[in-house]
């Protein structure tokens, strides 16, 4: 496979390699693709959770905000 980078992108990748952060251009590009994949996975997860939350609201599966805040405070205190 052959790819062409813009001069700006090529400079960024070369700086990442010359700084020692990555051993090669291929490694730097692989890391970028992995980050994009993780971002896509996170987006799908967040979208699913938001949809589930909206469905809970529609059918009345909710708690008063005061109760939720008390639960969060308790959880934080238990961690301390």
Protein backbone atom coordinates (compact mmCIF):
# COMPACT_ATOMS: atom_id res chain seq x y z
CA UNK A 1 0.00 0.00 0.00
CA UNK A 2 1.16 3.48 -0.73
CA UNK A 3 -0.17 6.67 0.82
CA UNK A 4 0.51 10.33 0.24
CA UNK A 5 0.55 12.72 3.17
CA UNK A 6 0.18 16.46 2.99
CA UNK A 7 3.45 18.26 3.72
CA UNK A 8 2.02 19.34 7.08
CA UNK A 9 1.06 15.79 8.06
CA UNK A 10 4.39 14.44 6.87
CA UNK A 11 6.19 17.01 9.03
CA UNK A 12 4.08 16.07 12.07
CA UNK A 13 4.84 12.37 11.64
CA UNK A 14 8.54 13.02 11.12
CA UNK A 15 8.62 15.15 14.28
CA UNK A 16 6.97 12.35 16.26
CA UNK A 17 9.57 9.88 15.02
CA UNK A 18 12.56 12.19 15.49
CA UNK A 19 11.42 13.06 19.02
CA UNK A 20 11.60 9.36 19.89
CA UNK A 21 7.92 8.99 20.61
CA UNK A 22 7.65 6.45 17.79
CA UNK A 23 10.33 4.27 16.21
CA UNK A 24 9.00 4.64 12.67
CA UNK A 25 6.47 6.41 10.50
CA UNK A 26 4.51 3.15 10.27
CA UNK A 27 4.34 2.91 14.07
CA UNK A 28 3.11 6.51 14.34
CA UNK A 29 0.42 5.96 11.71
CA UNK A 30 -0.62 2.70 13.37
CA UNK A 31 -1.06 4.53 16.69
CA UNK A 32 -3.22 7.11 14.95
CA UNK A 33 -5.42 4.42 13.43
CA UNK A 34 -5.76 2.69 16.81
CA UNK A 35 -6.81 5.98 18.42
CA UNK A 36 -9.41 6.50 15.71
CA UNK A 37 -10.73 2.98 16.24
CA UNK A 38 -10.99 3.52 20.02
CA UNK A 39 -12.77 6.83 19.44
CA UNK A 40 -15.28 5.10 17.17
CA UNK A 41 -15.86 2.38 19.79
CA UNK A 42 -16.34 5.01 22.49
CA UNK A 43 -18.80 6.94 20.32
CA UNK A 44 -20.89 3.79 19.74
CA UNK A 45 -20.86 2.97 23.45
CA UNK A 46 -21.86 6.51 24.44
CA UNK A 47 -24.64 6.61 21.84
CA UNK A 48 -26.02 3.30 23.11
CA UNK A 49 -25.93 4.45 26.75
CA UNK A 50 -27.61 7.78 25.92
CA UNK A 51 -30.36 5.96 24.00
CA UNK A 52 -30.92 3.65 26.97
CA UNK A 53 -31.06 6.63 29.33
CA UNK A 54 -33.59 8.43 27.17
CA UNK A 55 -35.72 5.29 27.06
CA UNK A 56 -35.55 5.08 30.88
CA UNK A 57 -36.77 8.67 31.11
CA UNK A 58 -39.65 8.02 28.71
CA UNK A 59 -40.94 5.09 30.79
CA UNK A 60 -40.39 6.80 34.12
CA UNK A 61 -37.33 4.92 35.37
CA UNK A 62 -35.76 7.95 37.02
CA UNK A 63 -34.57 9.12 40.42
CA UNK A 64 -34.86 12.56 41.98
CA UNK A 65 -31.66 14.57 41.52
CA UNK A 66 -31.23 14.88 45.29
CA UNK A 67 -31.13 11.10 45.63
CA UNK A 68 -28.57 10.77 42.85
CA UNK A 69 -26.39 13.46 44.43
CA UNK A 70 -26.56 11.65 47.80
CA UNK A 71 -25.51 8.42 46.10
CA UNK A 72 -22.55 10.14 44.43
CA UNK A 73 -21.46 11.77 47.69
CA UNK A 74 -21.64 8.43 49.50
CA UNK A 75 -19.61 6.71 46.81
CA UNK A 76 -16.97 9.45 46.92
CA UNK A 77 -16.71 9.23 50.71
CA UNK A 78 -16.33 5.45 50.57
CA UNK A 79 -13.35 5.84 48.17
CA UNK A 80 -11.60 8.29 50.51
